Amino acid sequence: MSEKSPARLRLETPLETRFRIDWDAEALARSSERVARFLGTGRYLAMQTVLVVVWILINVFVVALRWDPYPFILLNLAFSTQAAYAAPLILLAQNRQDNRDRVALEEDRSRATQTKADTEFLARELAALRIAVGEVATRDYLRRELEEMKEVLDRIDAAASPDRAHDINKTSKARRKKTSGQKQGGDPIPPQPTDP
């Protein structure tokens, strides 16, 4: 058989509509939101009330202009039509607001998660700094260690020359008394002169 013609291929696929209407859904949603906002204002309610009162007064008292007699069927039809259009517009506006609220909630949630992670990171860093500061030698600690080392060296030197042992013991006892009586973080103890 012969090959399929391009027209035949087109018959096998569904056709799009010939009358294609391009409309912007976002623009329609924005305009419907504006209408829904207007329907919820006191200004609209006052205008509608004035219209209904004038309608009823004309149809009851002005016989020559009576176009909708007493049961006011035309007025009821107008209100029904308005309600039929107002309800979907209000629902559309609520759906758009729900979408905005959902996006804002997700942004708030991600921001809260990021803030929590940052706070936990800072807490860990502060704990690490506290531990590191706890391991740092303070000035008083170093002073005490150096004095103890000096005393040990003096004892070694005294052991090498026994005649100086008596003088070194006196100076080390005086130095201990001053160290125990001095406040923490005070001025450093001046070195005591030793006899050569």
C-alpha atoms as a PDB file:
ATOM      1  CA  MET A   1       0.000   0.000   0.000  1.00  0.00           C
ATOM      2  CA  SER A   2       0.943   3.600  -0.233  1.00  0.00           C
ATOM      3  CA  GLU A   3       2.431   5.581   2.574  1.00  0.00           C
ATOM      4  CA  LYS A   4       0.122   7.447   4.881  1.00  0.00           C
ATOM      5  CA  SER A   5      -0.495  10.982   3.785  1.00  0.00           C
ATOM      6  CA  PRO A   6       0.039  13.900   6.164  1.00  0.00           C
ATOM      7  CA  ALA A   7      -3.708  14.476   6.176  1.00  0.00           C
ATOM      8  CA  ARG A   8      -4.260  10.911   7.329  1.00  0.00           C
ATOM      9  CA  LEU A   9      -1.759  11.348  10.160  1.00  0.00           C
ATOM     10  CA  ARG A  10      -3.652  14.406  11.291  1.00  0.00           C
ATOM     11  CA  LEU A  11      -6.886  12.434  11.374  1.00  0.00           C
ATOM     12  CA  GLU A  12      -5.361  10.005  13.860  1.00  0.00           C
ATOM     13  CA  THR A  13      -4.575  12.743  16.370  1.00  0.00           C
ATOM     14  CA  PRO A  14      -7.236  14.766  18.122  1.00  0.00           C
ATOM     15  CA  LEU A  15      -7.738  18.263  16.834  1.00  0.00           C
ATOM     16  CA  GLU A  16      -7.577  21.337  18.944  1.00  0.00           C
ATOM     17  CA  THR A  17     -10.545  23.618  18.868  1.00  0.00           C
ATOM     18  CA  ARG A  18     -10.665  26.021  15.982  1.00  0.00           C
ATOM     19  CA  PHE A  19     -11.987  28.806  18.146  1.00  0.00           C
ATOM     20  CA  ARG A  20      -9.264  29.250  20.640  1.00  0.00           C
ATOM     21  CA  ILE A  21      -9.738  31.919  23.286  1.00  0.00           C
ATOM     22  CA  ASP A  22      -6.560  33.038  25.004  1.00  0.00           C
ATOM     23  CA  TRP A  23      -7.310  34.531  28.360  1.00  0.00           C
ATOM     24  CA  ASP A  24      -5.078  35.404  31.242  1.00  0.00           C
ATOM     25  CA  ALA A  25      -6.235  33.424  34.269  1.00  0.00           C
ATOM     26  CA  GLU A  26      -4.242  35.615  36.624  1.00  0.00           C
ATOM     27  CA  ALA A  27      -5.835  38.807  35.315  1.00  0.00           C
ATOM     28  CA  LEU A  28      -9.296  37.260  35.635  1.00  0.00           C
ATOM     29  CA  ALA A  29      -8.502  36.170  39.194  1.00  0.00           C
ATOM     30  CA  ARG A  30      -7.244  39.654  40.106  1.00  0.00           C
ATOM     31  CA  SER A  31     -10.345  41.344  38.688  1.00  0.00           C
ATOM     32  CA  SER A  32     -12.649  38.848  40.406  1.00  0.00           C
ATOM     33  CA  GLU A  33     -10.795  39.490  43.653  1.00  0.00           C
ATOM     34  CA  ARG A  34     -11.391  43.232  43.266  1.00  0.00           C
ATOM     35  CA  VAL A  35     -15.113  42.613  42.631  1.00  0.00           C
ATOM     36  CA  ALA A  36     -15.336  40.295  45.650  1.00  0.00           C
ATOM     37  CA  ARG A  37     -13.646  42.931  47.814  1.00  0.00           C
ATOM     38  CA  PHE A  38     -16.093  45.557  46.584  1.00  0.00           C
ATOM     39  CA  LEU A  39     -19.048  43.261  47.330  1.00  0.00           C
ATOM     40  CA  GLY A  40     -17.873  43.039  50.918  1.00  0.00           C
ATOM     41  CA  THR A  41     -17.764  46.776  51.585  1.00  0.00           C
ATOM     42  CA  GLY A  42     -20.288  48.954  53.375  1.00  0.00           C
ATOM     43  CA  ARG A  43     -20.386  51.243  50.345  1.00  0.00           C
ATOM     44  CA  TYR A  44     -21.786  48.440  48.181  1.00  0.00           C
ATOM     45  CA  LEU A  45     -24.314  47.510  50.865  1.00  0.00           C
ATOM     46  CA  ALA A  46     -25.505  51.131  51.104  1.00  0.00           C
ATOM     47  CA  MET A  47     -25.807  51.390  47.309  1.00  0.00           C
ATOM     48  CA  GLN A  48     -27.769  48.157  47.099  1.00  0.00           C
ATOM     49  CA  THR A  49     -30.085  49.220  49.915  1.00  0.00           C
ATOM     50  CA  VAL A  50     -30.815  52.549  48.203  1.00  0.00           C
ATOM     51  CA  LEU A  51     -31.485  50.750  44.901  1.00  0.00           C
ATOM     52  CA  VAL A  52     -33.891  48.277  46.518  1.00  0.00           C
ATOM     53  CA  VAL A  53     -35.774  51.032  48.377  1.00  0.00           C
ATOM     54  CA  VAL A  54     -36.126  53.160  45.218  1.00  0.00           C
ATOM     55  CA  TRP A  55     -37.184  50.068  43.213  1.00  0.00           C
ATOM     56  CA  ILE A  56     -39.910  49.158  45.688  1.00  0.00           C
ATOM     57  CA  LEU A  57     -41.148  52.741  46.127  1.00  0.00           C
ATOM     58  CA  ILE A  58     -41.447  53.302  42.370  1.00  0.00           C
ATOM     59  CA  ASN A  59     -43.192  49.959  41.785  1.00  0.00           C
ATOM     60  CA  VAL A  60     -45.635  50.486  44.643  1.00  0.00           C
ATOM     61  CA  PHE A  61     -46.521  54.177  44.458  1.00  0.00           C
ATOM     62  CA  VAL A  62     -45.863  55.339  40.886  1.00  0.00           C
ATOM     63  CA  VAL A  63     -48.499  53.562  38.845  1.00  0.00           C
ATOM     64  CA  ALA A  64     -47.339  54.901  35.484  1.00  0.00           C
ATOM     65  CA  LEU A  65     -43.748  53.546  35.910  1.00  0.00           C
ATOM     66  CA  ARG A  66     -44.653  50.196  37.423  1.00  0.00           C
ATOM     67  CA  TRP A  67     -42.465  47.612  35.613  1.00  0.00           C
ATOM     68  CA  ASP A  68     -42.278  45.058  38.469  1.00  0.00           C
ATOM     69  CA  PRO A  69     -45.524  44.803  40.437  1.00  0.00           C
ATOM     70  CA  TYR A  70     -45.843  43.717  44.060  1.00  0.00           C
ATOM     71  CA  PRO A  71     -44.255  40.264  44.282  1.00  0.00           C
ATOM     72  CA  PHE A  72     -41.165  41.937  42.720  1.00  0.00           C
ATOM     73  CA  ILE A  73     -40.227  38.928  40.621  1.00  0.00           C
ATOM     74  CA  LEU A  74     -37.743  40.886  38.528  1.00  0.00           C
ATOM     75  CA  LEU A  75     -35.985  42.180  41.657  1.00  0.00           C
ATOM     76  CA  ASN A  76     -35.762  38.628  43.034  1.00  0.00           C
ATOM     77  CA  LEU A  77     -34.358  37.452  39.704  1.00  0.00           C
ATOM     78  CA  ALA A  78     -31.735  40.223  39.792  1.00  0.00           C
ATOM     79  CA  PHE A  79     -30.709  39.243  43.338  1.00  0.00           C
ATOM     80  CA  SER A  80     -30.535  35.563  42.380  1.00  0.00           C
ATOM     81  CA  THR A  81     -28.322  36.376  39.411  1.00  0.00           C
ATOM     82  CA  GLN A  82     -26.109  38.570  41.554  1.00  0.00           C
ATOM     83  CA  ALA A  83     -25.799  35.823  44.180  1.00  0.00           C
ATOM     84  CA  ALA A  84     -25.013  33.247  41.486  1.00  0.00           C
ATOM     85  CA  TYR A  85     -22.053  35.350  40.339  1.00  0.00           C
ATOM     86  CA  ALA A  86     -20.980  36.717  43.721  1.00  0.00           C
ATOM     87  CA  ALA A  87     -20.525  33.334  45.407  1.00  0.00           C
ATOM     88  CA  PRO A  88     -17.948  31.969  42.893  1.00  0.00           C
ATOM     89  CA  LEU A  89     -16.128  35.308  42.879  1.00  0.00           C
ATOM     90  CA  ILE A  90     -15.873  35.252  46.652  1.00  0.00           C
ATOM     91  CA  LEU A  91     -14.690  31.621  46.600  1.00  0.00           C
ATOM     92  CA  LEU A  92     -12.068  32.471  43.982  1.00  0.00           C
ATOM     93  CA  ALA A  93     -10.831  35.365  46.109  1.00  0.00           C
ATOM     94  CA  GLN A  94     -10.683  33.069  49.157  1.00  0.00           C
ATOM     95  CA  ASN A  95      -8.735  30.447  47.197  1.00  0.00           C
ATOM     96  CA  ARG A  96      -6.210  33.058  46.092  1.00  0.00           C
ATOM     97  CA  GLN A  97      -5.876  34.268  49.676  1.00  0.00           C
ATOM     98  CA  ASP A  98      -5.409  30.677  50.848  1.00  0.00           C
ATOM     99  CA  ASN A  99      -2.637  30.228  48.277  1.00  0.00           C
ATOM    100  CA  ARG A 100      -0.934  33.407  49.470  1.00  0.00           C
ATOM    101  CA  ASP A 101      -1.286  32.297  53.085  1.00  0.00           C
ATOM    102  CA  ARG A 102       0.172  28.890  52.237  1.00  0.00           C
ATOM    103  CA  VAL A 103       3.191  30.440  50.537  1.00  0.00           C
ATOM    104  CA  ALA A 104       3.692  32.843  53.466  1.00  0.00           C
ATOM    105  CA  LEU A 105       3.389  29.949  55.930  1.00  0.00           C
ATOM    106  CA  GLU A 106       5.983  27.906  54.048  1.00  0.00           C
ATOM    107  CA  GLU A 107       8.333  30.889  53.988  1.00  0.00           C
ATOM    108  CA  ASP A 108       7.802  31.441  57.710  1.00  0.00           C
ATOM    109  CA  ARG A 109       8.411  27.762  58.382  1.00  0.00           C
ATOM    110  CA  SER A 110      11.643  27.706  56.369  1.00  0.00           C
ATOM    111  CA  ARG A 111      12.777  30.928  58.063  1.00  0.00           C
ATOM    112  CA  ALA A 112      12.002  29.451  61.483  1.00  0.00           C
ATOM    113  CA  THR A 113      13.911  26.276  60.586  1.00  0.00           C
ATOM    114  CA  GLN A 114      16.902  28.339  59.459  1.00  0.00           C
ATOM    115  CA  THR A 115      16.743  30.456  62.619  1.00  0.00           C
ATOM    116  CA  LYS A 116      16.602  27.331  64.767  1.00  0.00           C
ATOM    117  CA  ALA A 117      19.598  25.836  62.959  1.00  0.00           C
ATOM    118  CA  ASP A 118      21.526  29.098  63.369  1.00  0.00           C
ATOM    119  CA  THR A 119      20.653  29.238  67.062  1.00  0.00           C
ATOM    120  CA  GLU A 120      21.770  25.655  67.613  1.00  0.00           C
ATOM    121  CA  PHE A 121      25.021  26.366  65.751  1.00  0.00           C
ATOM    122  CA  LEU A 122      25.687  29.431  67.896  1.00  0.00           C
ATOM    123  CA  ALA A 123      24.909  27.456  71.063  1.00  0.00           C
ATOM    124  CA  ARG A 124      27.415  24.787  70.019  1.00  0.00           C
ATOM    125  CA  GLU A 125      30.020  27.438  69.237  1.00  0.00           C
ATOM    126  CA  LEU A 126      29.483  29.099  72.629  1.00  0.00           C
ATOM    127  CA  ALA A 127      29.823  25.748  74.385  1.00  0.00           C
ATOM    128  CA  ALA A 128      33.059  25.076  72.494  1.00  0.00           C
ATOM    129  CA  LEU A 129      34.366  28.519  73.456  1.00  0.00           C
ATOM    130  CA  ARG A 130      33.508  27.913  77.111  1.00  0.00           C
ATOM    131  CA  ILE A 131      35.374  24.621  77.036  1.00  0.00           C
ATOM    132  CA  ALA A 132      38.336  26.251  75.297  1.00  0.00           C
ATOM    133  CA  VAL A 133      38.406  29.134  77.770  1.00  0.00           C
ATOM    134  CA  GLY A 134      38.235  26.666  80.636  1.00  0.00           C
ATOM    135  CA  GLU A 135      41.450  25.044  79.348  1.00  0.00           C
ATOM    136  CA  VAL A 136      43.345  28.340  78.991  1.00  0.00           C
ATOM    137  CA  ALA A 137      45.855  29.044  81.720  1.00  0.00           C
ATOM    138  CA  THR A 138      45.118  32.144  83.764  1.00  0.00           C
ATOM    139  CA  ARG A 139      47.667  34.661  85.000  1.00  0.00           C
ATOM    140  CA  ASP A 140      47.347  33.538  88.624  1.00  0.00           C
ATOM    141  CA  TYR A 141      47.766  29.903  87.646  1.00  0.00           C
ATOM    142  CA  LEU A 142      50.934  30.677  85.680  1.00  0.00           C
ATOM    143  CA  ARG A 143      52.311  32.813  88.508  1.00  0.00           C
ATOM    144  CA  ARG A 144      51.761  30.004  91.007  1.00  0.00           C
ATOM    145  CA  GLU A 145      53.388  27.450  88.727  1.00  0.00           C
ATOM    146  CA  LEU A 146      56.402  29.679  88.123  1.00  0.00           C
ATOM    147  CA  GLU A 147      56.838  30.286  91.852  1.00  0.00           C
ATOM    148  CA  GLU A 148      56.706  26.560  92.529  1.00  0.00           C
ATOM    149  CA  MET A 149      59.300  25.955  89.808  1.00  0.00           C
ATOM    150  CA  LYS A 150      61.523  28.673  91.291  1.00  0.00           C
ATOM    151  CA  GLU A 151      61.247  27.044  94.708  1.00  0.00           C
ATOM    152  CA  VAL A 152      62.158  23.665  93.234  1.00  0.00           C
ATOM    153  CA  LEU A 153      65.156  25.212  91.489  1.00  0.00           C
ATOM    154  CA  ASP A 154      66.162  26.972  94.716  1.00  0.00           C
ATOM    155  CA  ARG A 155      65.995  23.669  96.578  1.00  0.00           C
ATOM    156  CA  ILE A 156      68.128  22.001  93.950  1.00  0.00           C
ATOM    157  CA  ASP A 157      70.600  24.854  94.212  1.00  0.00           C
ATOM    158  CA  ALA A 158      70.495  24.599  98.032  1.00  0.00           C
ATOM    159  CA  ALA A 159      71.132  20.902  97.873  1.00  0.00           C
ATOM    160  CA  ALA A 160      74.198  21.658  95.793  1.00  0.00           C
ATOM    161  CA  SER A 161      75.482  24.222  98.383  1.00  0.00           C
ATOM    162  CA  PRO A 162      74.263  23.362 101.936  1.00  0.00           C
ATOM    163  CA  ASP A 163      75.178  26.778 103.462  1.00  0.00           C
ATOM    164  CA  ARG A 164      72.456  28.560 101.379  1.00  0.00           C
ATOM    165  CA  ALA A 165      69.661  26.115 102.324  1.00  0.00           C
ATOM    166  CA  HIS A 166      68.731  28.021 105.481  1.00  0.00           C
ATOM    167  CA  ASP A 167      68.317  31.401 103.651  1.00  0.00           C
ATOM    168  CA  ILE A 168      66.255  29.861 100.819  1.00  0.00           C
ATOM    169  CA  ASN A 169      63.828  28.212 103.281  1.00  0.00           C
ATOM    170  CA  LYS A 170      63.181  31.617 104.924  1.00  0.00           C
ATOM    171  CA  THR A 171      62.500  33.376 101.627  1.00  0.00           C
ATOM    172  CA  SER A 172      60.217  30.607 100.325  1.00  0.00           C
ATOM    173  CA  LYS A 173      58.147  30.692 103.567  1.00  0.00           C
ATOM    174  CA  ALA A 174      57.808  34.490 103.329  1.00  0.00           C
ATOM    175  CA  ARG A 175      56.825  34.201  99.685  1.00  0.00           C
ATOM    176  CA  ARG A 176      54.116  31.602 100.512  1.00  0.00           C
ATOM    177  CA  LYS A 177      52.648  33.885 103.183  1.00  0.00           C
ATOM    178  CA  LYS A 178      52.414  36.784 100.742  1.00  0.00           C
ATOM    179  CA  THR A 179      50.869  34.573  98.028  1.00  0.00           C
ATOM    180  CA  SER A 180      48.222  33.135 100.346  1.00  0.00           C
ATOM    181  CA  GLY A 181      47.312  36.614 101.641  1.00  0.00           C
ATOM    182  CA  GLN A 182      47.108  38.248  98.190  1.00  0.00           C
ATOM    183  CA  LYS A 183      43.698  38.529  96.396  1.00  0.00           C
ATOM    184  CA  GLN A 184      43.090  36.600  93.173  1.00  0.00           C
ATOM    185  CA  GLY A 185      43.907  38.599  90.056  1.00  0.00           C
ATOM    186  CA  GLY A 186      45.949  41.151  92.042  1.00  0.00           C
ATOM    187  CA  ASP A 187      49.296  42.665  91.179  1.00  0.00           C
ATOM    188  CA  PRO A 188      52.171  40.281  90.641  1.00  0.00           C
ATOM    189  CA  ILE A 189      54.451  39.539  93.575  1.00  0.00           C
ATOM    190  CA  PRO A 190      57.802  41.244  93.152  1.00  0.00           C
ATOM    191  CA  PRO A 191      60.736  38.824  93.237  1.00  0.00           C
ATOM    192  CA  GLN A 192      62.505  38.554  96.578  1.00  0.00           C
ATOM    193  CA  PRO A 193      66.207  39.261  96.593  1.00  0.00           C
ATOM    194  CA  THR A 194      68.322  36.269  97.481  1.00  0.00           C
ATOM    195  CA  ASP A 195      71.771  36.288  98.987  1.00  0.00           C
ATOM    196  CA  PRO A 196      74.516  35.140  96.588  1.00  0.00           C
END
